[in-house]
Amino acid sequence: MVKVRAFRTIENALRRLGFNYVAGVDEVGRGCLAGPVVAAAVVLAPDKYVARVCDSKTVTALERARLYERITRKATAWSVAVVDCGEIDRINIHQASLLAMQQAVQRLSPCADFVLVDAFRIPNLLAPQRAVVHGDTRCTAIAAASIVAKVTRDRIMLELHARDPRYGFDRHKGYATRDHLSAVSRYGYSDVHRRSFRPPSLFDVLE
């Protein structure tokens, strides 16, 4: 994956229109077999530049951790929201992702007066919003949110691994890798697996 630095073009245009607290929002964990979906919302300070912010998927875990510390230290506001596997099974993964993003925005202080979202529109927000296609590669605030969400979720998965190391959550973070599917075929689902999400490859392993 080629690293592409995100830019503040969209945020700066909104600030010129009078919006002072422009939040970027993103979620991670949507395509996993296990663990929660996590969303983050970040309002970057115009006068506190954070270098090398880009889509979380294009940087190493070490670099993400460093960026997480810089972002959370310099941001005007940031928040995270976690929706667990039980709720995902109850309302489906799409609705759970929207709920996590909605909660992350609502927890910001100061409140966002404009929200930029990666790809989706979030229901029931009081602030105006814009869905930005490929937002985590185009928009610095969304890229920052993707990093905060990814680091937060990875840390949760490491905690889950410490509780039950059979599945290798420390390696694949709940995604449907060959090792993960093999562990599921051996041990069955744990209490942090999503019962509602079973890709065809899982059935192949379980046969």
Protein backbone atom coordinates (compact mmCIF):
# COMPACT_ATOMS: atom_id res chain seq x y z
CA MET A 1 0.00 0.00 0.00
CA VAL A 2 1.38 3.39 -1.03
CA LYS A 3 1.34 5.98 1.73
CA VAL A 4 -0.52 9.11 0.63
CA ARG A 5 -0.49 12.05 3.00
CA ALA A 6 -3.90 13.57 3.61
CA PHE A 7 -4.49 17.31 3.29
CA ARG A 8 -6.50 19.99 5.07
CA THR A 9 -8.04 21.47 1.93
CA ILE A 10 -11.63 20.56 2.85
CA GLU A 11 -11.29 21.57 6.51
CA ASN A 12 -9.69 24.90 5.61
CA ALA A 13 -12.46 25.69 3.12
CA LEU A 14 -15.07 25.02 5.82
CA ARG A 15 -13.21 27.22 8.31
CA ARG A 16 -13.23 30.07 5.82
CA LEU A 17 -17.03 29.68 5.75
CA GLY A 18 -17.13 30.20 9.52
CA PHE A 19 -17.07 26.63 10.88
CA ASN A 20 -14.57 26.60 13.76
CA TYR A 21 -14.73 22.99 14.91
CA VAL A 22 -14.54 20.68 11.91
CA ALA A 23 -14.51 17.04 12.96
CA GLY A 24 -13.28 14.09 10.96
CA VAL A 25 -14.93 10.73 11.70
CA ASP A 26 -13.98 7.17 10.77
CA GLU A 27 -14.55 3.63 12.02
CA VAL A 28 -12.53 0.40 12.05
CA GLY A 29 -13.42 -3.25 12.56
CA ARG A 30 -16.33 -3.37 10.16
CA GLY A 31 -15.10 -6.50 8.36
CA CYS A 32 -13.93 -8.53 11.35
CA LEU A 33 -15.18 -11.84 12.69
CA ALA A 34 -14.44 -10.89 16.29
CA GLY A 35 -14.19 -7.88 18.54
CA PRO A 36 -15.96 -4.53 18.51
CA VAL A 37 -16.36 -1.86 15.88
CA VAL A 38 -14.63 1.34 17.01
CA ALA A 39 -15.17 4.88 15.76
CA ALA A 40 -13.22 8.04 16.44
CA ALA A 41 -13.96 11.72 15.93
CA VAL A 42 -11.14 14.27 15.81
CA VAL A 43 -11.15 18.06 15.61
CA LEU A 44 -7.66 19.16 14.62
CA ALA A 45 -6.34 22.52 15.83
CA PRO A 46 -5.58 24.81 12.87
CA ASP A 47 -2.42 26.12 14.55
CA LYS A 48 -1.04 22.74 15.72
CA TYR A 49 0.14 20.82 12.68
CA VAL A 50 0.55 17.04 12.99
CA ALA A 51 3.02 15.83 10.37
CA ARG A 52 2.62 12.62 8.31
CA VAL A 53 -1.08 12.04 9.02
CA CYS A 54 -2.44 9.59 6.47
CA ASP A 55 -4.82 6.65 6.13
CA SER A 56 -4.18 4.30 9.07
CA LYS A 57 -4.04 1.28 6.74
CA THR A 58 -0.93 2.64 4.98
CA VAL A 59 1.40 2.95 8.00
CA THR A 60 3.02 0.48 10.38
CA ALA A 61 1.70 -0.22 13.87
CA LEU A 62 4.66 1.64 15.38
CA GLU A 63 4.06 4.72 13.25
CA ARG A 64 0.33 4.62 14.01
CA ALA A 65 1.10 4.59 17.74
CA ARG A 66 3.37 7.61 17.36
CA LEU A 67 0.78 9.47 15.31
CA TYR A 68 -1.93 8.57 17.84
CA GLU A 69 0.08 10.24 20.62
CA ARG A 70 0.66 13.38 18.53
CA ILE A 71 -2.95 13.61 17.37
CA THR A 72 -4.52 13.15 20.80
CA ARG A 73 -2.04 15.59 22.36
CA LYS A 74 -2.51 18.37 19.79
CA ALA A 75 -6.16 18.00 18.78
CA THR A 76 -8.73 20.56 19.88
CA ALA A 77 -11.02 17.63 20.70
CA TRP A 78 -11.14 13.90 20.14
CA SER A 79 -13.27 10.98 21.27
CA VAL A 80 -13.85 7.30 20.62
CA ALA A 81 -16.89 5.03 20.80
CA VAL A 82 -17.01 1.25 20.96
CA VAL A 83 -19.89 -1.02 19.95
CA ASP A 84 -19.39 -4.62 21.07
CA CYS A 85 -20.11 -7.85 19.22
CA GLY A 86 -23.40 -8.44 21.02
CA GLU A 87 -24.79 -5.14 19.79
CA ILE A 88 -23.37 -5.79 16.31
CA ASP A 89 -25.29 -9.08 16.18
CA ARG A 90 -28.44 -7.38 17.44
CA ILE A 91 -28.58 -4.43 15.01
CA ASN A 92 -26.18 -5.56 12.19
CA ILE A 93 -22.69 -4.30 11.40
CA HIS A 94 -23.75 -1.36 9.24
CA GLN A 95 -26.03 0.07 11.91
CA ALA A 96 -23.40 -0.63 14.58
CA SER A 97 -20.79 1.31 12.58
CA LEU A 98 -23.16 4.27 12.21
CA LEU A 99 -23.99 4.11 15.92
CA ALA A 100 -20.31 4.14 16.89
CA MET A 101 -19.63 7.15 14.66
CA GLN A 102 -22.70 8.96 16.00
CA GLN A 103 -21.59 8.38 19.60
CA ALA A 104 -18.04 9.49 18.86
CA VAL A 105 -19.29 12.80 17.43
CA GLN A 106 -21.70 13.35 20.32
CA ARG A 107 -18.89 12.90 22.86
CA LEU A 108 -16.73 15.69 21.44
CA SER A 109 -16.09 18.71 23.64
CA PRO A 110 -16.24 21.35 22.28
CA CYS A 111 -18.97 20.11 19.99
CA ALA A 112 -18.30 19.90 16.27
CA ASP A 113 -20.05 22.49 14.15
CA PHE A 114 -19.33 20.53 10.93
CA VAL A 115 -18.64 16.82 10.48
CA LEU A 116 -16.66 15.13 7.71
CA VAL A 117 -17.28 11.38 7.45
CA ASP A 118 -15.44 8.70 5.51
CA ALA A 119 -17.95 7.54 2.85
CA PHE A 120 -21.14 7.52 4.95
CA ARG A 121 -23.64 9.98 6.35
CA ILE A 122 -24.34 9.62 10.07
CA PRO A 123 -28.00 9.69 11.13
CA ASN A 124 -29.38 11.98 13.83
CA LEU A 125 -26.59 14.53 14.00
CA LEU A 126 -27.39 18.13 14.88
CA ALA A 127 -24.34 19.47 13.04
CA PRO A 128 -24.17 19.63 9.24
CA GLN A 129 -22.09 16.90 7.66
CA ARG A 130 -20.51 15.76 4.44
CA ALA A 131 -19.65 12.23 3.34
CA VAL A 132 -16.22 12.22 1.69
CA VAL A 133 -15.45 9.31 -0.63
CA HIS A 134 -11.99 7.95 0.20
CA GLY A 135 -11.97 10.48 3.02
CA ASP A 136 -9.20 8.76 4.95
CA THR A 137 -6.81 9.46 2.06
CA ARG A 138 -8.14 12.93 1.14
CA CYS A 139 -8.93 14.64 4.42
CA THR A 140 -6.51 15.09 7.34
CA ALA A 141 -9.22 15.13 10.02
CA ILE A 142 -10.72 11.86 8.76
CA ALA A 143 -7.26 10.29 8.45
CA ALA A 144 -6.50 11.35 12.03
CA ALA A 145 -9.76 9.75 13.16
CA SER A 146 -8.87 6.54 11.33
CA ILE A 147 -5.56 6.38 13.21
CA VAL A 148 -7.16 7.03 16.62
CA ALA A 149 -9.85 4.41 15.95
CA LYS A 150 -7.37 1.83 14.65
CA VAL A 151 -4.95 2.19 17.57
CA THR A 152 -7.82 2.06 20.07
CA ARG A 153 -9.27 -1.08 18.53
CA ASP A 154 -5.90 -2.81 18.23
CA ARG A 155 -5.32 -2.23 21.94
CA ILE A 156 -8.72 -3.72 22.74
CA MET A 157 -7.85 -6.79 20.64
CA LEU A 158 -4.55 -7.18 22.50
CA GLU A 159 -6.51 -7.17 25.77
CA LEU A 160 -8.86 -9.82 24.38
CA HIS A 161 -5.85 -11.88 23.33
CA ALA A 162 -4.45 -11.72 26.86
CA ARG A 163 -7.76 -13.08 28.16
CA ASP A 164 -7.94 -15.87 25.58
CA PRO A 165 -4.81 -16.44 23.44
CA ARG A 166 -6.23 -19.41 21.50
CA TYR A 167 -7.42 -17.30 18.55
CA GLY A 168 -4.34 -15.14 17.94
CA PHE A 169 -6.10 -11.79 18.21
CA ASP A 170 -2.70 -10.16 18.75
CA ARG A 171 -1.76 -11.06 15.17
CA HIS A 172 -4.88 -10.61 13.06
CA LYS A 173 -6.98 -8.34 15.34
CA GLY A 174 -10.12 -10.34 14.62
CA TYR A 175 -9.98 -10.33 10.81
CA ALA A 176 -10.71 -13.52 8.88
CA THR A 177 -7.15 -14.71 8.28
CA ARG A 178 -6.31 -18.35 7.66
CA ASP A 179 -4.92 -18.68 11.20
CA HIS A 180 -8.04 -17.16 12.70
CA LEU A 181 -10.39 -19.37 10.71
CA SER A 182 -8.34 -22.42 11.65
CA ALA A 183 -8.60 -21.51 15.34
CA VAL A 184 -12.37 -21.08 15.03
CA SER A 185 -12.64 -24.53 13.41
CA ARG A 186 -10.67 -25.96 16.35
CA TYR A 187 -12.24 -24.12 19.29
CA GLY A 188 -15.54 -22.77 18.00
CA TYR A 189 -16.69 -19.21 18.52
CA SER A 190 -15.73 -17.33 21.68
CA ASP A 191 -17.92 -14.79 23.45
CA VAL A 192 -16.28 -11.97 21.46
CA HIS A 193 -17.03 -13.46 18.04
CA ARG A 194 -19.86 -12.09 15.92
CA ARG A 195 -22.44 -14.78 15.31
CA SER A 196 -24.11 -12.77 12.54
CA PHE A 197 -20.98 -12.49 10.38
CA ARG A 198 -19.85 -15.73 8.76
CA PRO A 199 -18.12 -15.33 5.39
CA PRO A 200 -18.13 -18.31 2.98
CA SER A 201 -14.47 -19.03 3.71
CA LEU A 202 -15.41 -19.83 7.31
CA PHE A 203 -17.77 -22.59 6.21
CA ASP A 204 -15.00 -24.02 4.04
CA VAL A 205 -12.71 -24.23 7.08
CA LEU A 206 -15.40 -25.68 9.33
CA GLU A 207 -16.34 -28.52 6.95
